[in-house]
Amino acid sequence: MAGKGITPLWRHRQREQFARAVDARPGPESEEVEGDELADELAVVALLRKAAVTAGPDEAAKARMRARVLGAAAAPPTKLDQPVRERRTGARGRLVVALAAALCLLFSLTGMSLLLSRDALPGDALYGVKRTAESASLGLTFDEESKGYKRLEFAAARVAEIETLADRYRESGGGPLGGYLTALTDFDADAAAGSRVLAALGSNSDQRALEELRDWAETQTTRLTELRASLPPEAADRAGTSLDLLARIAERASALRARADCASVTSGQTDQVGPVPAADACAVAPADPGTPPPGVPSSVPPSTTAVAPTTSGDAPGETGTGTPSGVPGSGKPSTTVPPTTTTPGGPLPPLPTLTLPSLPLPLPGLGG
């Protein structure tokens, strides 16, 4: 008994016989042997073959389909098949994209570093980035006065950093000594540079800069004096040098301010904190450049004082009440009294008098 799923042997033989009848060309032997058994099946096969010939695509359509299939299956072109100019353009475009990406990455990292370094303290990894950013900011400032004030601002920031360090390490012995020394050294450099700029500006024209420099030095002296007690011993000794520098800055600003009205303000020399005041006696500068100092003869023309002429018929010393001379109808010749000229050396001799003839009255064409 055949098992389940096993094709019987007679079925295999029948299929093989049908396949041979389909593949074989029609002949007398096949018609005699197989004509009775597989006649219907072979007729269906013949009809299908005929339909394939009549209903299928013609030879031209087959040729087009064959060309299309072969073209789609062709291998893609390689880089060597492209022109040299196209290959260079593509490489240049990729290089530009890579450079743009690298610049974007660099700018983002730089911006992040600047943001993180704003609170950096001496001794931190980003403190150098902070100082570099301050130097760049100073380089982009072109006005000398603005540079001086920015220097003082940087110096005040160093004092704030020292205060932060002292508060952070108050319970652990004061913190790293190198951070304090670095901050104090930078403070001295910025304070001295700012003092030189503002002291030179104040001694020439702007006295307000001297007052602001003196006030700044006094304020920083108060902050550093209060902070000195909480610093390590070595840093406290080093802070004394900074306090001496602040005292010199305040004294220099006051000395230059005191000689602001003198003819010579500075001696022409400059030291660490700015121009050195002149050591001679203070000669007050003239308010008007044309006014000579006391004791020098004046070159201004002498002033003249005109004396009112006296009228005829009036006594000397009385005010004129009669008819003045030289007026039509008076009948008297007009007499002009020259003005009396006074000079620092005494009165000049009187000028000669001029006598004008009297006019006949009444004048022609005019009534009396």
Protein backbone atom coordinates (compact mmCIF):
# COMPACT_ATOMS: atom_id res chain seq x y z
CA MET A 1 0.00 0.00 0.00
CA ALA A 2 1.37 3.31 -0.98
CA GLY A 3 2.10 5.74 1.87
CA LYS A 4 0.44 9.10 2.27
CA GLY A 5 2.03 11.83 0.09
CA ILE A 6 3.78 9.36 -2.27
CA THR A 7 2.82 9.64 -5.93
CA PRO A 8 1.92 6.27 -7.49
CA LEU A 9 4.25 4.84 -10.04
CA TRP A 10 1.66 4.80 -12.78
CA ARG A 11 1.16 8.53 -12.36
CA HIS A 12 4.87 9.16 -12.96
CA ARG A 13 4.78 7.10 -16.07
CA GLN A 14 1.72 8.96 -17.36
CA ARG A 15 3.44 12.34 -16.83
CA GLU A 16 6.57 11.22 -18.57
CA GLN A 17 4.58 9.92 -21.48
CA PHE A 18 2.74 13.28 -21.80
CA ALA A 19 5.98 15.24 -21.64
CA ARG A 20 7.54 13.16 -24.39
CA ALA A 21 4.42 13.60 -26.50
CA VAL A 22 4.53 17.40 -26.08
CA ASP A 23 8.26 17.73 -26.80
CA ALA A 24 8.27 15.31 -29.73
CA ARG A 25 7.28 16.48 -33.13
CA PRO A 26 4.06 14.97 -34.43
CA GLY A 27 4.66 11.74 -36.43
CA PRO A 28 2.90 8.60 -37.49
CA GLU A 29 4.25 6.55 -34.59
CA SER A 30 3.13 9.03 -31.97
CA GLU A 31 -0.27 9.28 -33.50
CA GLU A 32 -0.69 5.49 -33.43
CA VAL A 33 0.72 4.97 -29.94
CA GLU A 34 -0.37 8.04 -28.16
CA GLY A 35 -3.15 9.39 -30.32
CA ASP A 36 -5.90 7.60 -28.51
CA GLU A 37 -4.75 8.16 -24.95
CA LEU A 38 -3.40 11.78 -25.08
CA ALA A 39 -5.31 13.20 -28.04
CA ASP A 40 -7.22 15.76 -26.02
CA GLU A 41 -4.18 16.97 -24.11
CA LEU A 42 -2.11 17.31 -27.25
CA ALA A 43 -4.87 19.31 -28.91
CA VAL A 44 -4.84 21.78 -26.03
CA VAL A 45 -1.06 22.10 -26.33
CA ALA A 46 -1.36 22.78 -30.04
CA LEU A 47 -3.89 25.51 -29.44
CA LEU A 48 -1.67 27.15 -26.84
CA ARG A 49 1.29 27.13 -29.17
CA LYS A 50 -0.76 28.68 -31.90
CA ALA A 51 -2.05 31.39 -29.57
CA ALA A 52 1.49 32.18 -28.46
CA VAL A 53 2.56 32.70 -32.04
CA THR A 54 -0.42 34.83 -33.07
CA ALA A 55 -1.03 36.85 -29.87
CA GLY A 56 2.55 37.40 -28.66
CA PRO A 57 4.81 40.36 -29.51
CA ASP A 58 6.34 40.49 -32.94
CA GLU A 59 10.01 40.27 -33.65
CA ALA A 60 10.56 44.08 -33.55
CA ALA A 61 8.96 44.36 -30.12
CA LYS A 62 11.03 41.46 -28.88
CA ALA A 63 14.18 43.18 -30.13
CA ARG A 64 13.30 46.41 -28.33
CA MET A 65 12.58 44.60 -25.07
CA ARG A 66 15.82 42.68 -25.36
CA ALA A 67 17.82 45.91 -25.89
CA ARG A 68 16.13 47.58 -22.94
CA VAL A 69 16.81 44.68 -20.62
CA LEU A 70 20.45 44.51 -21.69
CA GLY A 71 20.85 48.32 -21.24
CA ALA A 72 19.42 48.24 -17.72
CA ALA A 73 21.70 45.39 -16.77
CA ALA A 74 24.82 47.23 -18.00
CA ALA A 75 27.51 48.00 -15.38
CA PRO A 76 27.49 51.58 -13.89
CA PRO A 77 30.29 53.91 -15.03
CA THR A 78 33.36 54.13 -12.80
CA LYS A 79 35.30 57.24 -11.73
CA LEU A 80 37.81 56.62 -14.47
CA ASP A 81 35.06 56.94 -17.08
CA GLN A 82 34.25 60.50 -15.87
CA PRO A 83 36.11 63.51 -17.35
CA VAL A 84 39.10 64.82 -15.45
CA ARG A 85 37.46 68.23 -14.87
CA GLU A 86 34.37 66.66 -13.30
CA ARG A 87 36.54 64.57 -11.00
CA ARG A 88 38.49 67.67 -9.88
CA THR A 89 35.29 69.63 -9.27
CA GLY A 90 33.88 66.86 -7.14
CA ALA A 91 37.05 66.60 -5.05
CA ARG A 92 37.12 70.38 -4.55
CA GLY A 93 33.51 70.39 -3.43
CA ARG A 94 34.18 67.67 -0.87
CA LEU A 95 37.19 69.61 0.41
CA VAL A 96 35.11 72.78 0.82
CA VAL A 97 32.45 70.87 2.73
CA ALA A 98 35.08 69.33 5.00
CA LEU A 99 36.68 72.73 5.71
CA ALA A 100 33.30 74.30 6.46
CA ALA A 101 32.49 71.50 8.88
CA ALA A 102 35.89 71.89 10.57
CA LEU A 103 35.37 75.66 10.95
CA CYS A 104 31.92 75.17 12.43
CA LEU A 105 33.33 72.68 14.90
CA LEU A 106 36.17 75.04 15.80
CA PHE A 107 33.83 77.99 16.35
CA SER A 108 31.49 75.94 18.47
CA LEU A 109 34.35 74.65 20.62
CA THR A 110 35.79 78.15 20.95
CA GLY A 111 32.46 79.64 21.96
CA MET A 112 31.89 76.88 24.50
CA SER A 113 35.38 77.39 25.92
CA LEU A 114 34.81 81.14 26.26
CA LEU A 115 31.53 80.60 28.07
CA LEU A 116 33.06 78.09 30.44
CA SER A 117 36.16 80.22 31.08
CA ARG A 118 34.24 83.27 32.31
CA ASP A 119 34.28 81.93 35.87
CA ALA A 120 37.76 80.37 35.65
CA LEU A 121 40.20 81.16 38.46
CA PRO A 122 44.01 81.25 38.47
CA GLY A 123 45.23 77.67 38.38
CA ASP A 124 42.19 76.31 36.46
CA ALA A 125 42.60 74.71 33.05
CA LEU A 126 40.53 77.39 31.28
CA TYR A 127 42.16 80.39 32.96
CA GLY A 128 44.53 80.79 30.01
CA VAL A 129 41.54 80.93 27.66
CA LYS A 130 40.04 83.67 29.82
CA ARG A 131 43.19 85.77 29.70
CA THR A 132 43.49 85.23 25.94
CA ALA A 133 39.94 86.49 25.47
CA GLU A 134 40.77 89.60 27.52
CA SER A 135 43.85 90.27 25.39
CA ALA A 136 41.76 89.93 22.24
CA SER A 137 39.20 92.34 23.66
CA LEU A 138 41.95 94.83 24.41
CA GLY A 139 43.37 94.47 20.91
CA LEU A 140 39.98 95.34 19.40
CA THR A 141 39.87 98.61 21.41
CA PHE A 142 41.42 101.47 19.43
CA ASP A 143 40.83 104.47 21.73
CA GLU A 144 43.64 105.09 24.23
CA GLU A 145 41.27 106.28 26.94
CA SER A 146 39.10 103.16 26.54
CA LYS A 147 42.22 100.99 26.71
CA GLY A 148 43.21 102.62 29.99
CA TYR A 149 39.82 102.03 31.59
CA LYS A 150 39.75 98.45 30.30
CA ARG A 151 43.12 97.83 31.92
CA LEU A 152 41.74 99.02 35.25
CA GLU A 153 38.72 96.77 34.73
CA PHE A 154 40.97 93.74 34.21
CA ALA A 155 42.96 94.63 37.33
CA ALA A 156 39.77 94.86 39.39
CA ALA A 157 38.78 91.42 38.05
CA ARG A 158 42.02 89.98 39.43
CA VAL A 159 41.12 91.24 42.91
CA ALA A 160 37.69 89.60 42.55
CA GLU A 161 39.41 86.31 41.63
CA ILE A 162 41.60 86.53 44.73
CA GLU A 163 38.49 87.08 46.85
CA THR A 164 36.85 83.99 45.30
CA LEU A 165 39.95 81.89 45.94
CA ALA A 166 40.10 83.03 49.56
CA ASP A 167 36.42 82.18 50.11
CA ARG A 168 36.73 78.78 48.43
CA TYR A 169 39.77 77.63 50.39
CA ARG A 170 39.06 79.43 53.65
CA GLU A 171 38.70 76.16 55.58
CA SER A 172 41.52 74.30 53.84
CA GLY A 173 44.48 76.52 54.49
CA GLY A 174 44.08 79.22 51.85
CA GLY A 175 44.30 77.23 48.62
CA PRO A 176 47.07 76.97 46.01
CA LEU A 177 49.78 79.60 46.37
CA GLY A 178 50.46 79.73 42.63
CA GLY A 179 46.95 80.99 41.90
CA TYR A 180 47.35 83.94 44.27
CA LEU A 181 50.75 84.88 42.90
CA THR A 182 49.52 84.70 39.31
CA ALA A 183 46.54 86.93 40.08
CA LEU A 184 48.68 89.50 41.92
CA THR A 185 51.25 89.61 39.10
CA ASP A 186 48.53 90.18 36.50
CA PHE A 187 46.96 92.82 38.75
CA ASP A 188 50.19 94.81 38.94
CA ALA A 189 50.70 94.67 35.17
CA ASP A 190 47.16 95.85 34.32
CA ALA A 191 47.06 98.51 37.06
CA ALA A 192 50.40 100.04 36.01
CA ALA A 193 49.46 100.03 32.31
CA GLY A 194 46.09 101.65 32.96
CA SER A 195 47.66 104.24 35.23
CA ARG A 196 50.20 105.28 32.59
CA VAL A 197 47.50 105.82 29.98
CA LEU A 198 45.06 107.75 32.19
CA ALA A 199 47.74 109.81 33.93
CA ALA A 200 49.11 110.93 30.56
CA LEU A 201 45.61 111.77 29.38
CA GLY A 202 44.77 113.70 32.56
CA SER A 203 47.98 115.72 32.57
CA ASN A 204 47.36 116.87 29.00
CA SER A 205 43.65 117.65 28.77
CA ASP A 206 41.13 115.59 30.74
CA GLN A 207 41.51 116.20 34.49
CA ARG A 208 38.50 113.99 35.14
CA ALA A 209 40.66 110.97 34.29
CA LEU A 210 43.04 111.84 37.16
CA GLU A 211 40.18 111.99 39.67
CA GLU A 212 38.76 108.67 38.51
CA LEU A 213 42.23 107.07 38.62
CA ARG A 214 42.75 108.25 42.19
CA ASP A 215 39.31 106.99 43.28
CA TRP A 216 39.93 103.61 41.65
CA ALA A 217 43.29 103.21 43.38
CA GLU A 218 41.77 104.05 46.77
CA THR A 219 38.92 101.57 46.26
CA GLN A 220 41.27 98.73 45.28
CA THR A 221 43.51 99.56 48.21
CA THR A 222 40.58 99.11 50.59
CA ARG A 223 39.56 95.78 49.01
CA LEU A 224 43.08 94.35 49.00
CA THR A 225 43.80 95.50 52.55
CA GLU A 226 40.69 93.75 53.88
CA LEU A 227 41.56 90.62 51.89
CA ARG A 228 45.19 90.44 52.92
CA ALA A 229 44.49 88.91 56.32
CA SER A 230 42.82 85.81 54.78
CA LEU A 231 45.66 85.04 52.34
CA PRO A 232 48.50 82.58 52.88
CA PRO A 233 51.64 84.16 54.35
CA GLU A 234 53.57 84.19 51.06
CA ALA A 235 50.61 85.66 49.17
CA ALA A 236 50.08 88.26 51.91
CA ASP A 237 53.69 89.41 51.56
CA ARG A 238 53.26 89.62 47.80
CA ALA A 239 50.06 91.65 48.27
CA GLY A 240 52.13 94.30 50.06
CA THR A 241 53.90 95.03 46.76
CA SER A 242 50.55 95.56 45.06
CA LEU A 243 49.44 97.89 47.85
CA ASP A 244 52.60 99.97 47.41
CA LEU A 245 51.84 100.23 43.69
CA LEU A 246 48.30 101.42 44.43
CA ALA A 247 49.63 104.03 46.84
CA ARG A 248 51.99 105.36 44.16
CA ILE A 249 49.15 105.52 41.63
CA ALA A 250 46.91 107.49 43.99
CA GLU A 251 49.74 109.85 44.94
CA ARG A 252 50.69 110.42 41.29
CA ALA A 253 47.11 111.20 40.29
CA SER A 254 46.77 113.69 43.16
CA ALA A 255 50.10 115.39 42.33
CA LEU A 256 49.21 115.81 38.68
CA ARG A 257 45.78 117.09 39.61
CA ALA A 258 47.32 119.69 41.94
CA ARG A 259 49.48 121.09 39.11
CA ALA A 260 46.63 121.21 36.59
CA ASP A 261 46.61 125.05 36.65
CA CYS A 262 50.39 125.44 36.51
CA ALA A 263 52.31 126.43 33.42
CA SER A 264 54.32 123.18 33.56
CA VAL A 265 52.44 120.07 34.76
CA THR A 266 54.97 117.30 34.08
CA SER A 267 58.75 117.15 33.96
CA GLY A 268 58.77 115.30 30.63
CA GLN A 269 59.76 111.97 32.23
CA THR A 270 57.65 108.82 32.71
CA ASP A 271 58.03 105.96 35.18
CA GLN A 272 56.01 102.83 35.98
CA VAL A 273 52.79 104.64 36.91
CA GLY A 274 52.82 107.50 34.43
CA PRO A 275 54.24 111.01 33.82
CA VAL A 276 56.38 112.49 36.60
CA PRO A 277 55.11 115.86 37.94
CA ALA A 278 57.33 118.92 37.52
CA ALA A 279 59.44 119.85 40.55
CA ASP A 280 59.69 123.62 39.99
CA ALA A 281 57.48 126.25 41.57
CA CYS A 282 53.97 126.42 40.22
CA ALA A 283 53.62 129.43 37.93
CA VAL A 284 49.97 130.00 37.17
CA ALA A 285 49.33 129.67 33.48
CA PRO A 286 47.62 132.73 31.91
CA ALA A 287 43.96 132.31 31.26
CA ASP A 288 44.21 134.22 27.94
CA PRO A 289 47.10 133.21 25.70
CA GLY A 290 47.43 136.89 24.56
CA THR A 291 47.81 138.26 28.12
CA PRO A 292 51.49 138.57 29.14
CA PRO A 293 52.71 137.54 32.61
CA PRO A 294 52.94 140.22 35.32
CA GLY A 295 55.84 142.69 34.88
CA VAL A 296 55.93 142.50 31.08
CA PRO A 297 54.87 145.71 29.19
CA SER A 298 51.63 145.31 27.38
CA SER A 299 51.64 145.43 23.60
CA VAL A 300 47.93 146.25 23.41
CA PRO A 301 47.19 149.67 21.83
CA PRO A 302 46.54 152.41 24.48
CA SER A 303 43.01 153.15 25.42
CA THR A 304 41.57 156.58 24.62
CA THR A 305 39.15 158.65 26.63
CA ALA A 306 37.05 161.15 24.76
CA VAL A 307 36.12 164.44 26.44
CA ALA A 308 32.74 165.89 25.57
CA PRO A 309 33.06 169.22 23.75
CA THR A 310 31.87 172.33 25.54
CA THR A 311 29.25 174.52 23.99
CA SER A 312 29.49 178.22 23.51
CA GLY A 313 27.80 180.33 26.13
CA ASP A 314 28.39 177.85 28.97
CA ALA A 315 30.82 178.34 31.73
CA PRO A 316 33.53 175.86 32.30
CA GLY A 317 32.40 173.05 34.53
CA GLU A 318 28.67 173.49 33.67
CA THR A 319 26.59 171.28 31.52
CA GLY A 320 25.81 172.62 28.10
CA THR A 321 22.48 174.42 28.01
CA GLY A 322 23.03 176.91 25.20
CA THR A 323 23.14 176.38 21.48
CA PRO A 324 25.99 174.16 20.51
CA SER A 325 28.57 175.46 18.11
CA GLY A 326 28.50 174.35 14.55
CA VAL A 327 24.71 173.99 14.43
CA PRO A 328 22.94 176.00 11.75
CA GLY A 329 21.43 179.12 13.27
CA SER A 330 24.03 179.57 15.95
CA GLY A 331 26.06 182.07 13.96
CA LYS A 332 29.26 180.81 15.58
CA PRO A 333 32.03 178.78 14.14
CA SER A 334 32.06 175.13 15.16
CA THR A 335 34.99 174.16 17.32
CA THR A 336 35.97 170.52 17.78
CA VAL A 337 37.80 169.69 20.97
CA PRO A 338 40.19 166.80 20.40
CA PRO A 339 39.93 163.88 22.80
CA THR A 340 42.53 163.52 25.46
CA THR A 341 44.62 160.36 24.94
CA THR A 342 46.08 158.62 27.97
CA THR A 343 48.89 156.13 27.95
CA PRO A 344 50.75 154.30 30.70
CA GLY A 345 53.58 156.85 30.35
CA GLY A 346 51.37 159.98 30.64
CA PRO A 347 49.09 162.16 28.44
CA LEU A 348 50.06 162.96 24.90
CA PRO A 349 50.29 166.62 23.74
CA PRO A 350 46.95 168.01 22.52
CA LEU A 351 46.20 167.85 18.83
CA PRO A 352 45.63 171.12 16.90
CA THR A 353 42.04 172.36 16.78
CA LEU A 354 40.12 172.53 13.54
CA THR A 355 37.90 175.56 12.77
CA LEU A 356 35.04 175.16 10.27
CA PRO A 357 33.34 178.19 8.65
CA SER A 358 29.74 178.90 9.61
CA LEU A 359 27.03 178.24 7.08
CA PRO A 360 24.65 181.10 5.96
CA LEU A 361 21.17 180.90 7.36
CA PRO A 362 18.64 180.11 6.15
CA LEU A 363 19.93 177.54 3.68
CA PRO A 364 18.64 177.78 0.15
CA GLY A 365 15.51 175.71 -0.34
CA LEU A 366 14.88 175.24 3.40
CA GLY A 367 12.75 177.29 5.73
CA GLY A 368 14.00 179.07 8.79
